[in-house]
Amino acid sequence: MFDFDVLKISEADAADNRDVFGFHLVKLDSRVSDIPRGPALTLAPETSVAAAIETMLSRRRGAALVVRNQQPVGVITDRDILAQAGGDIDDLRLVPVETLMNPCAEPLHASDSVGVALRSMCARRQWHMPIVCSRGLLLGALDIADVSLWLRDRLTLMSVEAAFT
């Protein structure tokens, strides 16, 4: 698992932290709900793999949330489909996505910190995670690319601030 302390990335507020590679400490205590992201691609559990592939290709997405009654039950990725196909996707065309999806054991909550989200993604090796409200209803999805762009923007802002101090 990724050790955030190695890069001196912390969720804790510490007033006396020094620069790391020319940047101030990156704080990961912002909320998951603060990270800009696009709308989540969702599929019903009974959606066929053929329909899932078509939808994912048309929306240019590598993953989709599988949702039942407004609650996430899993995530299906293009990798899941390819790994299961073993070279012949035609055999899977009529199979429902719920047979290939990764079950959603514990989704992220909108109130979770970015640090919690990163630790959860790394521990589970899931790069696409659903975000739910306190009642467990789907609010959206968080992708590792969203987190990477958010971090890049934080580092850019910090480097600009450092240049003027």
N, C-alpha and C. Protein backbone atom coordinates (compact mmCIF):
# COMPACT_ATOMS: atom_id res chain seq x y z
N MET A 1 0.84 -1.17 0.00
CA MET A 1 0.00 0.00 0.00
C MET A 1 0.88 1.24 0.00
N PHE A 2 0.38 2.31 -0.59
CA PHE A 2 1.12 3.55 -0.71
C PHE A 2 1.24 4.22 0.66
N ASP A 3 2.42 4.63 1.02
CA ASP A 3 2.64 5.29 2.30
C ASP A 3 2.68 6.79 2.08
N PHE A 4 1.65 7.49 2.52
CA PHE A 4 1.55 8.92 2.29
C PHE A 4 2.61 9.70 3.06
N ASP A 5 3.09 9.14 4.17
CA ASP A 5 4.09 9.85 4.97
C ASP A 5 5.44 9.95 4.26
N VAL A 6 5.70 9.05 3.31
CA VAL A 6 6.95 9.09 2.57
C VAL A 6 7.08 10.40 1.80
N LEU A 7 5.97 10.87 1.22
CA LEU A 7 5.98 12.13 0.47
C LEU A 7 5.59 13.32 1.34
N LYS A 8 5.47 13.08 2.65
CA LYS A 8 5.07 14.12 3.59
C LYS A 8 3.70 14.69 3.21
N ILE A 9 2.81 13.82 2.75
CA ILE A 9 1.43 14.21 2.47
C ILE A 9 0.62 13.79 3.68
N SER A 10 -0.12 14.72 4.24
CA SER A 10 -0.81 14.43 5.49
C SER A 10 -2.20 15.03 5.50
N GLU A 11 -3.08 14.41 6.26
CA GLU A 11 -4.40 14.99 6.49
C GLU A 11 -4.38 15.92 7.69
N ALA A 12 -3.39 15.81 8.52
CA ALA A 12 -3.34 16.58 9.76
C ALA A 12 -2.96 18.03 9.49
N ASP A 13 -3.56 18.93 10.23
CA ASP A 13 -3.15 20.33 10.16
C ASP A 13 -1.92 20.50 11.02
N ALA A 14 -0.84 20.91 10.41
CA ALA A 14 0.40 21.13 11.14
C ALA A 14 0.96 22.46 10.67
N ALA A 15 1.14 23.38 11.60
CA ALA A 15 1.55 24.73 11.24
C ALA A 15 3.02 24.83 10.87
N ASP A 16 3.87 23.95 11.40
CA ASP A 16 5.30 24.10 11.22
C ASP A 16 5.88 23.12 10.21
N ASN A 17 5.18 22.82 9.15
CA ASN A 17 5.71 21.91 8.14
C ASN A 17 6.54 22.67 7.12
N ARG A 18 7.62 22.07 6.68
CA ARG A 18 8.53 22.67 5.72
C ARG A 18 8.17 22.27 4.29
N ASP A 19 8.81 22.92 3.34
CA ASP A 19 8.56 22.60 1.93
C ASP A 19 9.01 21.19 1.60
N VAL A 20 8.30 20.58 0.68
CA VAL A 20 8.66 19.27 0.16
C VAL A 20 8.85 19.45 -1.34
N PHE A 21 10.04 19.24 -1.84
CA PHE A 21 10.34 19.43 -3.26
C PHE A 21 9.89 20.81 -3.75
N GLY A 22 10.03 21.83 -2.91
CA GLY A 22 9.65 23.18 -3.32
C GLY A 22 8.18 23.50 -3.13
N PHE A 23 7.40 22.55 -2.65
CA PHE A 23 5.98 22.79 -2.43
C PHE A 23 5.70 22.74 -0.93
N HIS A 24 4.70 23.45 -0.51
CA HIS A 24 4.25 23.34 0.86
C HIS A 24 3.53 22.00 1.02
N LEU A 25 3.27 21.64 2.23
CA LEU A 25 2.60 20.38 2.51
C LEU A 25 1.24 20.32 1.81
N VAL A 26 0.97 19.23 1.13
CA VAL A 26 -0.34 19.01 0.50
C VAL A 26 -1.25 18.43 1.55
N LYS A 27 -2.33 19.11 1.83
CA LYS A 27 -3.28 18.62 2.82
C LYS A 27 -4.39 17.87 2.11
N LEU A 28 -4.68 16.70 2.61
CA LEU A 28 -5.69 15.85 2.00
C LEU A 28 -6.96 15.80 2.84
N ASP A 29 -7.22 16.88 3.58
CA ASP A 29 -8.41 16.88 4.42
C ASP A 29 -9.63 17.49 3.74
N SER A 30 -9.48 17.91 2.48
CA SER A 30 -10.65 18.37 1.72
C SER A 30 -11.61 17.21 1.55
N ARG A 31 -12.87 17.52 1.36
CA ARG A 31 -13.89 16.49 1.22
C ARG A 31 -13.94 15.95 -0.21
N VAL A 32 -14.31 14.69 -0.32
CA VAL A 32 -14.48 14.04 -1.63
C VAL A 32 -15.46 14.84 -2.49
N SER A 33 -16.49 15.38 -1.86
CA SER A 33 -17.51 16.14 -2.60
C SER A 33 -16.94 17.43 -3.21
N ASP A 34 -15.76 17.89 -2.77
CA ASP A 34 -15.14 19.10 -3.31
C ASP A 34 -14.35 18.86 -4.59
N ILE A 35 -14.10 17.60 -4.93
CA ILE A 35 -13.31 17.29 -6.13
C ILE A 35 -14.21 17.39 -7.35
N PRO A 36 -13.83 18.23 -8.33
CA PRO A 36 -14.64 18.32 -9.55
C PRO A 36 -14.60 17.00 -10.33
N ARG A 37 -15.76 16.58 -10.82
CA ARG A 37 -15.82 15.35 -11.59
C ARG A 37 -17.05 15.40 -12.48
N GLY A 38 -17.02 14.62 -13.52
CA GLY A 38 -18.16 14.54 -14.43
C GLY A 38 -19.24 13.62 -13.88
N PRO A 39 -20.36 13.54 -14.60
CA PRO A 39 -21.44 12.64 -14.15
C PRO A 39 -21.01 11.18 -14.25
N ALA A 40 -21.50 10.38 -13.33
CA ALA A 40 -21.16 8.96 -13.30
C ALA A 40 -21.92 8.20 -14.38
N LEU A 41 -21.26 7.24 -14.97
CA LEU A 41 -21.91 6.33 -15.92
C LEU A 41 -22.48 5.18 -15.11
N THR A 42 -23.78 4.96 -15.20
CA THR A 42 -24.43 3.91 -14.42
C THR A 42 -25.12 2.90 -15.32
N LEU A 43 -25.16 1.67 -14.86
CA LEU A 43 -25.83 0.58 -15.56
C LEU A 43 -26.66 -0.21 -14.56
N ALA A 44 -27.73 -0.80 -15.04
CA ALA A 44 -28.52 -1.71 -14.21
C ALA A 44 -27.80 -3.06 -14.17
N PRO A 45 -27.96 -3.83 -13.10
CA PRO A 45 -27.27 -5.12 -12.98
C PRO A 45 -27.59 -6.09 -14.12
N GLU A 46 -28.80 -6.00 -14.65
CA GLU A 46 -29.19 -6.93 -15.72
C GLU A 46 -28.78 -6.47 -17.12
N THR A 47 -28.10 -5.33 -17.23
CA THR A 47 -27.60 -4.86 -18.52
C THR A 47 -26.64 -5.88 -19.11
N SER A 48 -26.79 -6.16 -20.39
CA SER A 48 -25.90 -7.14 -21.03
C SER A 48 -24.51 -6.54 -21.21
N VAL A 49 -23.54 -7.41 -21.28
CA VAL A 49 -22.16 -6.97 -21.51
C VAL A 49 -22.06 -6.22 -22.84
N ALA A 50 -22.79 -6.68 -23.85
CA ALA A 50 -22.78 -6.00 -25.15
C ALA A 50 -23.25 -4.55 -25.02
N ALA A 51 -24.35 -4.34 -24.29
CA ALA A 51 -24.86 -2.98 -24.08
C ALA A 51 -23.88 -2.16 -23.24
N ALA A 52 -23.25 -2.80 -22.26
CA ALA A 52 -22.27 -2.11 -21.42
C ALA A 52 -21.08 -1.64 -22.26
N ILE A 53 -20.59 -2.53 -23.12
CA ILE A 53 -19.45 -2.17 -23.98
C ILE A 53 -19.83 -1.00 -24.88
N GLU A 54 -21.00 -1.07 -25.48
CA GLU A 54 -21.45 -0.01 -26.38
C GLU A 54 -21.57 1.32 -25.63
N THR A 55 -22.16 1.29 -24.45
CA THR A 55 -22.32 2.51 -23.65
C THR A 55 -20.98 3.07 -23.21
N MET A 56 -20.10 2.22 -22.74
CA MET A 56 -18.78 2.67 -22.28
C MET A 56 -17.97 3.26 -23.44
N LEU A 57 -18.06 2.64 -24.61
CA LEU A 57 -17.34 3.17 -25.77
C LEU A 57 -17.91 4.51 -26.22
N SER A 58 -19.24 4.61 -26.26
CA SER A 58 -19.86 5.86 -26.73
C SER A 58 -19.60 7.01 -25.77
N ARG A 59 -19.51 6.72 -24.49
CA ARG A 59 -19.26 7.76 -23.48
C ARG A 59 -17.77 7.92 -23.17
N ARG A 60 -16.94 7.11 -23.84
CA ARG A 60 -15.49 7.15 -23.67
C ARG A 60 -15.09 6.97 -22.21
N ARG A 61 -15.63 5.93 -21.60
CA ARG A 61 -15.35 5.60 -20.21
C ARG A 61 -14.80 4.19 -20.11
N GLY A 62 -13.93 3.98 -19.15
CA GLY A 62 -13.36 2.67 -18.93
C GLY A 62 -14.03 1.90 -17.81
N ALA A 63 -15.04 2.56 -17.19
CA ALA A 63 -15.73 1.92 -16.08
C ALA A 63 -17.15 2.47 -15.97
N ALA A 64 -18.00 1.67 -15.33
CA ALA A 64 -19.37 2.10 -15.06
C ALA A 64 -19.79 1.56 -13.69
N LEU A 65 -20.62 2.31 -13.02
CA LEU A 65 -21.18 1.86 -11.75
C LEU A 65 -22.41 1.00 -12.04
N VAL A 66 -22.54 -0.07 -11.32
CA VAL A 66 -23.73 -0.91 -11.42
C VAL A 66 -24.62 -0.53 -10.25
N VAL A 67 -25.85 -0.10 -10.57
CA VAL A 67 -26.73 0.50 -9.56
C VAL A 67 -28.09 -0.21 -9.56
N ARG A 68 -28.57 -0.50 -8.34
CA ARG A 68 -29.91 -1.08 -8.16
C ARG A 68 -30.62 -0.24 -7.10
N ASN A 69 -31.82 0.27 -7.44
CA ASN A 69 -32.62 1.09 -6.52
C ASN A 69 -31.82 2.28 -5.97
N GLN A 70 -31.12 2.96 -6.82
CA GLN A 70 -30.32 4.14 -6.51
C GLN A 70 -29.17 3.86 -5.55
N GLN A 71 -28.82 2.60 -5.38
CA GLN A 71 -27.69 2.24 -4.53
C GLN A 71 -26.65 1.48 -5.35
N PRO A 72 -25.36 1.85 -5.21
CA PRO A 72 -24.33 1.14 -5.97
C PRO A 72 -24.15 -0.28 -5.44
N VAL A 73 -24.11 -1.22 -6.37
CA VAL A 73 -23.88 -2.62 -5.99
C VAL A 73 -22.56 -3.14 -6.54
N GLY A 74 -21.95 -2.39 -7.48
CA GLY A 74 -20.68 -2.83 -8.03
C GLY A 74 -20.13 -1.87 -9.06
N VAL A 75 -18.96 -2.23 -9.56
CA VAL A 75 -18.28 -1.47 -10.61
C VAL A 75 -17.83 -2.46 -11.66
N ILE A 76 -18.07 -2.14 -12.92
CA ILE A 76 -17.58 -2.97 -14.02
C ILE A 76 -16.61 -2.13 -14.85
N THR A 77 -15.47 -2.70 -15.19
CA THR A 77 -14.47 -1.99 -15.99
C THR A 77 -14.22 -2.74 -17.29
N ASP A 78 -13.61 -2.03 -18.22
CA ASP A 78 -13.25 -2.68 -19.48
C ASP A 78 -12.27 -3.82 -19.23
N ARG A 79 -11.45 -3.69 -18.22
CA ARG A 79 -10.50 -4.76 -17.85
C ARG A 79 -11.22 -6.00 -17.37
N ASP A 80 -12.29 -5.81 -16.58
CA ASP A 80 -13.08 -6.96 -16.11
C ASP A 80 -13.63 -7.74 -17.29
N ILE A 81 -14.14 -7.02 -18.27
CA ILE A 81 -14.74 -7.66 -19.44
C ILE A 81 -13.68 -8.41 -20.24
N LEU A 82 -12.55 -7.75 -20.49
CA LEU A 82 -11.48 -8.39 -21.27
C LEU A 82 -10.88 -9.59 -20.55
N ALA A 83 -10.70 -9.46 -19.24
CA ALA A 83 -10.12 -10.56 -18.47
C ALA A 83 -11.03 -11.78 -18.49
N GLN A 84 -12.33 -11.56 -18.40
CA GLN A 84 -13.28 -12.66 -18.39
C GLN A 84 -13.45 -13.27 -19.78
N ALA A 85 -13.30 -12.44 -20.81
CA ALA A 85 -13.53 -12.91 -22.18
C ALA A 85 -12.46 -13.88 -22.64
N GLY A 86 -11.25 -13.71 -22.19
CA GLY A 86 -10.17 -14.58 -22.62
C GLY A 86 -9.96 -14.55 -24.12
N GLY A 87 -10.20 -13.42 -24.73
CA GLY A 87 -9.98 -13.27 -26.17
C GLY A 87 -11.24 -13.35 -27.01
N ASP A 88 -12.36 -13.86 -26.47
CA ASP A 88 -13.58 -13.99 -27.26
C ASP A 88 -14.74 -13.31 -26.55
N ILE A 89 -14.94 -12.05 -26.87
CA ILE A 89 -16.00 -11.27 -26.23
C ILE A 89 -17.38 -11.73 -26.68
N ASP A 90 -17.49 -12.34 -27.85
CA ASP A 90 -18.79 -12.79 -28.34
C ASP A 90 -19.48 -13.73 -27.36
N ASP A 91 -18.72 -14.53 -26.62
CA ASP A 91 -19.31 -15.45 -25.65
C ASP A 91 -19.97 -14.72 -24.48
N LEU A 92 -19.58 -13.46 -24.26
CA LEU A 92 -20.09 -12.71 -23.12
C LEU A 92 -21.19 -11.71 -23.47
N ARG A 93 -21.49 -11.55 -24.73
CA ARG A 93 -22.40 -10.48 -25.17
C ARG A 93 -23.73 -10.45 -24.44
N LEU A 94 -24.31 -11.60 -24.13
CA LEU A 94 -25.63 -11.64 -23.50
C LEU A 94 -25.57 -11.82 -21.98
N VAL A 95 -24.38 -11.94 -21.45
CA VAL A 95 -24.19 -12.12 -20.00
C VAL A 95 -24.49 -10.80 -19.30
N PRO A 96 -25.24 -10.81 -18.19
CA PRO A 96 -25.48 -9.56 -17.45
C PRO A 96 -24.21 -9.08 -16.75
N VAL A 97 -24.08 -7.76 -16.64
CA VAL A 97 -22.86 -7.19 -16.06
C VAL A 97 -22.68 -7.57 -14.60
N GLU A 98 -23.76 -7.89 -13.90
CA GLU A 98 -23.62 -8.23 -12.48
C GLU A 98 -22.80 -9.49 -12.27
N THR A 99 -22.66 -10.33 -13.29
CA THR A 99 -21.84 -11.54 -13.15
C THR A 99 -20.35 -11.24 -13.27
N LEU A 100 -20.00 -10.10 -13.86
CA LEU A 100 -18.58 -9.74 -14.06
C LEU A 100 -18.12 -8.59 -13.17
N MET A 101 -19.05 -7.88 -12.56
CA MET A 101 -18.69 -6.68 -11.81
C MET A 101 -17.92 -7.00 -10.53
N ASN A 102 -17.20 -5.99 -10.05
CA ASN A 102 -16.57 -6.06 -8.74
C ASN A 102 -17.60 -5.55 -7.74
N PRO A 103 -17.97 -6.36 -6.74
CA PRO A 103 -18.97 -5.90 -5.78
C PRO A 103 -18.50 -4.65 -5.04
N CYS A 104 -19.44 -3.82 -4.70
CA CYS A 104 -19.15 -2.57 -3.99
C CYS A 104 -19.26 -2.83 -2.50
N ALA A 105 -18.15 -3.21 -1.90
CA ALA A 105 -18.15 -3.56 -0.47
C ALA A 105 -18.44 -2.34 0.39
N GLU A 106 -17.70 -1.28 0.17
CA GLU A 106 -17.90 -0.07 0.96
C GLU A 106 -17.62 1.15 0.09
N PRO A 107 -18.66 1.87 -0.31
CA PRO A 107 -18.46 3.05 -1.14
C PRO A 107 -17.89 4.20 -0.33
N LEU A 108 -17.46 5.23 -1.03
CA LEU A 108 -17.02 6.46 -0.36
C LEU A 108 -18.24 7.28 0.01
N HIS A 109 -18.11 8.08 1.05
CA HIS A 109 -19.16 9.01 1.44
C HIS A 109 -18.72 10.42 1.04
N ALA A 110 -19.69 11.26 0.69
CA ALA A 110 -19.38 12.62 0.25
C ALA A 110 -18.59 13.37 1.31
N SER A 111 -18.77 13.02 2.57
CA SER A 111 -18.07 13.71 3.67
C SER A 111 -16.67 13.15 3.94
N ASP A 112 -16.29 12.05 3.28
CA ASP A 112 -14.95 11.49 3.46
C ASP A 112 -13.89 12.46 2.96
N SER A 113 -12.74 12.42 3.57
CA SER A 113 -11.63 13.26 3.11
C SER A 113 -10.96 12.63 1.89
N VAL A 114 -10.22 13.44 1.17
CA VAL A 114 -9.47 12.94 0.01
C VAL A 114 -8.45 11.89 0.46
N GLY A 115 -7.86 12.09 1.62
CA GLY A 115 -6.91 11.12 2.16
C GLY A 115 -7.56 9.77 2.39
N VAL A 116 -8.75 9.78 2.97
CA VAL A 116 -9.49 8.53 3.20
C VAL A 116 -9.80 7.86 1.86
N ALA A 117 -10.21 8.66 0.87
CA ALA A 117 -10.53 8.12 -0.46
C ALA A 117 -9.30 7.48 -1.09
N LEU A 118 -8.16 8.15 -1.02
CA LEU A 118 -6.94 7.60 -1.61
C LEU A 118 -6.51 6.31 -0.91
N ARG A 119 -6.58 6.31 0.40
CA ARG A 119 -6.21 5.09 1.13
C ARG A 119 -7.14 3.93 0.78
N SER A 120 -8.42 4.22 0.66
CA SER A 120 -9.40 3.20 0.31
C SER A 120 -9.16 2.67 -1.10
N MET A 121 -8.90 3.57 -2.04
CA MET A 121 -8.65 3.16 -3.43
C MET A 121 -7.40 2.29 -3.51
N CYS A 122 -6.35 2.70 -2.82
CA CYS A 122 -5.09 1.95 -2.85
C CYS A 122 -5.23 0.60 -2.17
N ALA A 123 -5.88 0.57 -1.02
CA ALA A 123 -6.03 -0.68 -0.28
C ALA A 123 -6.84 -1.70 -1.06
N ARG A 124 -7.86 -1.23 -1.78
CA ARG A 124 -8.72 -2.14 -2.54
C ARG A 124 -8.29 -2.32 -3.99
N ARG A 125 -7.34 -1.49 -4.42
CA ARG A 125 -6.92 -1.47 -5.82
C ARG A 125 -8.12 -1.26 -6.74
N GLN A 126 -8.99 -0.34 -6.33
CA GLN A 126 -10.15 0.05 -7.13
C GLN A 126 -9.97 1.52 -7.48
N TRP A 127 -9.89 1.80 -8.77
CA TRP A 127 -9.61 3.15 -9.22
C TRP A 127 -10.88 3.91 -9.59
N HIS A 128 -12.03 3.26 -9.45
CA HIS A 128 -13.33 3.88 -9.71
C HIS A 128 -14.23 3.50 -8.53
N MET A 129 -14.64 4.50 -7.74
CA MET A 129 -15.43 4.18 -6.55
C MET A 129 -16.68 5.05 -6.49
N PRO A 130 -17.80 4.43 -6.12
CA PRO A 130 -19.03 5.21 -5.98
C PRO A 130 -18.99 6.10 -4.75
N ILE A 131 -19.70 7.22 -4.84
CA ILE A 131 -19.84 8.14 -3.72
C ILE A 131 -21.32 8.14 -3.34
N VAL A 132 -21.60 7.96 -2.06
CA VAL A 132 -22.98 7.91 -1.59
C VAL A 132 -23.23 8.98 -0.53
N CYS A 133 -24.51 9.28 -0.33
CA CYS A 133 -24.91 10.19 0.74
C CYS A 133 -25.04 9.38 2.03
N SER A 134 -25.45 10.03 3.10
CA SER A 134 -25.55 9.35 4.39
C SER A 134 -26.60 8.24 4.38
N ARG A 135 -27.57 8.29 3.46
CA ARG A 135 -28.58 7.23 3.36
C ARG A 135 -28.16 6.11 2.42
N GLY A 136 -26.96 6.20 1.84
CA GLY A 136 -26.46 5.15 0.97
C GLY A 136 -26.89 5.27 -0.47
N LEU A 137 -27.51 6.38 -0.84
CA LEU A 137 -27.95 6.59 -2.22
C LEU A 137 -26.81 7.19 -3.05
N LEU A 138 -26.74 6.80 -4.29
CA LEU A 138 -25.65 7.21 -5.17
C LEU A 138 -25.67 8.71 -5.45
N LEU A 139 -24.52 9.34 -5.26
CA LEU A 139 -24.33 10.75 -5.61
C LEU A 139 -23.46 10.91 -6.84
N GLY A 140 -22.57 9.97 -7.07
CA GLY A 140 -21.64 10.06 -8.19
C GLY A 140 -20.54 9.04 -8.05
N ALA A 141 -19.44 9.30 -8.74
CA ALA A 141 -18.29 8.38 -8.69
C ALA A 141 -17.01 9.19 -8.61
N LEU A 142 -16.02 8.60 -7.99
CA LEU A 142 -14.70 9.20 -7.92
C LEU A 142 -13.73 8.29 -8.65
N ASP A 143 -13.00 8.86 -9.56
CA ASP A 143 -12.04 8.13 -10.37
C ASP A 143 -10.65 8.59 -9.95
N ILE A 144 -9.68 7.72 -10.03
CA ILE A 144 -8.31 8.08 -9.65
C ILE A 144 -7.80 9.25 -10.50
N ALA A 145 -8.29 9.36 -11.74
CA ALA A 145 -7.89 10.49 -12.59
C ALA A 145 -8.41 11.81 -12.01
N ASP A 146 -9.63 11.79 -11.43
CA ASP A 146 -10.17 13.00 -10.79
C ASP A 146 -9.27 13.44 -9.64
N VAL A 147 -8.83 12.48 -8.84
CA VAL A 147 -7.96 12.78 -7.69
C VAL A 147 -6.61 13.29 -8.19
N SER A 148 -6.07 12.68 -9.23
CA SER A 148 -4.78 13.11 -9.78
C SER A 148 -4.84 14.54 -10.28
N LEU A 149 -5.90 14.89 -10.99
CA LEU A 149 -6.05 16.26 -11.48
C LEU A 149 -6.23 17.25 -10.34
N TRP A 150 -6.98 16.84 -9.31
CA TRP A 150 -7.18 17.69 -8.14
C TRP A 150 -5.84 17.95 -7.46
N LEU A 151 -5.02 16.90 -7.28
CA LEU A 151 -3.69 17.06 -6.68
C LEU A 151 -2.79 17.94 -7.53
N ARG A 152 -2.83 17.74 -8.85
CA ARG A 152 -2.02 18.57 -9.75
C ARG A 152 -2.38 20.04 -9.59
N ASP A 153 -3.68 20.34 -9.51
CA ASP A 153 -4.11 21.72 -9.34
C ASP A 153 -3.65 22.30 -8.01
N ARG A 154 -3.67 21.50 -6.93
CA ARG A 154 -3.20 21.97 -5.63
C ARG A 154 -1.71 22.28 -5.69
N LEU A 155 -0.94 21.39 -6.31
CA LEU A 155 0.51 21.61 -6.40
C LEU A 155 0.83 22.82 -7.27
N THR A 156 0.08 23.03 -8.33
CA THR A 156 0.29 24.20 -9.19
C THR A 156 0.01 25.48 -8.41
N LEU A 157 -1.09 25.50 -7.67
CA LEU A 157 -1.40 26.69 -6.87
C LEU A 157 -0.32 26.96 -5.83
N MET A 158 0.18 25.90 -5.21
CA MET A 158 1.22 26.07 -4.20
C MET A 158 2.51 26.58 -4.80
N SER A 159 2.86 26.12 -5.99
CA SER A 159 4.11 26.57 -6.61
C SER A 159 4.01 28.03 -7.02
N VAL A 160 2.82 28.45 -7.45
CA VAL A 160 2.62 29.87 -7.80
C VAL A 160 2.73 30.72 -6.54
N GLU A 161 2.09 30.27 -5.46
CA GLU A 161 2.19 31.02 -4.20
C GLU A 161 3.62 31.09 -3.71
N ALA A 162 4.37 30.02 -3.83
CA ALA A 162 5.76 29.98 -3.37
C ALA A 162 6.63 30.93 -4.18
N ALA A 163 6.31 31.09 -5.46
CA ALA A 163 7.09 31.97 -6.33
C ALA A 163 6.95 33.44 -5.92
N PHE A 164 5.84 33.78 -5.30
CA PHE A 164 5.58 35.16 -4.92
C PHE A 164 5.88 35.45 -3.46
N THR A 165 6.42 34.46 -2.74
CA THR A 165 6.74 34.72 -1.34
C THR A 165 8.22 34.79 -1.12
